[in-house]
Amino acid sequence: MAEKKAFETSVKGLKNDSQAYERTITSRPAPGEYIVPFEQAPGDRVYENGDNYIVLTKDRPAGIPSGHFAETNSYAIDMVVGRLGSLGIDTKKETTKRVDPNFKLDAARIYISQRTDIDDNFNIVEMLERKGSIDGGAKNKSAIGMKADNIRVISREAIKLITMTDRYNSANVRQSAEYGIELIAAANSTKPNTDLQPLVKGKNLEQALGDLLDHVAQIDTQISMIDKMIGQITLALVSHVHTLALPTPITSPPIDPISITNNVLTTIDNVMQIVEVNLRQFNHEAFRTNYLTPGSATYICSPHNKTT
């Protein structure tokens, strides 16, 4: 109800506005909305509406020429909204100065090219190299790049990121290396420990932790057996006596009182150690159940996401 009243109020406020139709209905530039014009290259085919562009061109990440613009078989489709981003919006007045593609400042872009240096275009080569990239940036290859303040890839079913489906690239050159998937967050971060590292494979980690758990359980079992033997030796030492070599059944005194006290304390410590070992063995099984068992709420493997 509140939304309906707000809408009715806004409509009443527009009744005496001579530009109401342009302000609310059309996608044409509104009065006072200035658009920075685009520097079109000879031969470009440009579809433009305000600050929206679809440019059929050659590889051109900046001025004329740049990238592989002057080369053959380097065609590109450049889809852009918001030339120069906030700088273009803040112009505040009409301008005849035309601007080239700006992969850093343009508000949002989808770029498709037959041959390009995609990481150079988006100025991420240094970031990739600093983080230990596989190849430091693709050069002179077909590529698709997307850049905006935020990007969402949404699927009603599955999303798969797949590399190396073919042994030859679009230039019919056999691939000389294996290329993977790199997830790079906070690429411009100055904080330490932001180096690129391999992902962990869940099933292998599960097996490794299970094997380690078995080894630790075996060590605890050995400790339990040693505790048992120590207890037997301590008991035998405390109760040990010597029979004198006489016809009378007289025996020598047992070990001295201090030794008896020490053996009693050792026996107590040993019993506590046995209890602790048994608790650790119980915790091993709890760890296996909680973290290494499929279906557990804290199972270490994702039920949906997988990697090679």
Foldseek 3Di string as FASTA:
>chain_A
DVVVVVVVVVVVVCPPPPCSCVVPPDPADDVQFEAAAADDDVPWDWDDGGQWIWIWAFDPLADPHDWCRVPPQKIKIKTAGAAQNVVRRPPRDYDPDHGYHHLDRGAKIKMWIAFGFVCVSNVCLVLCVVQPHPPSTDHGHTDIDIDHPDDDDDDPDDDDDDPPPDQAGPVRHGDPDDDDDFDQPPSVDPDPPRHTDDDDFQVVVLVVVLVVLVVVLVVLVVLLVVLVVLLVVLVCQLPDWAADPDPDRDIDDHDDPVSNVVSVVSNVVSVVSNVVSVVVNVVSVVCCVQANDPPHPNHPDDPPDGDD
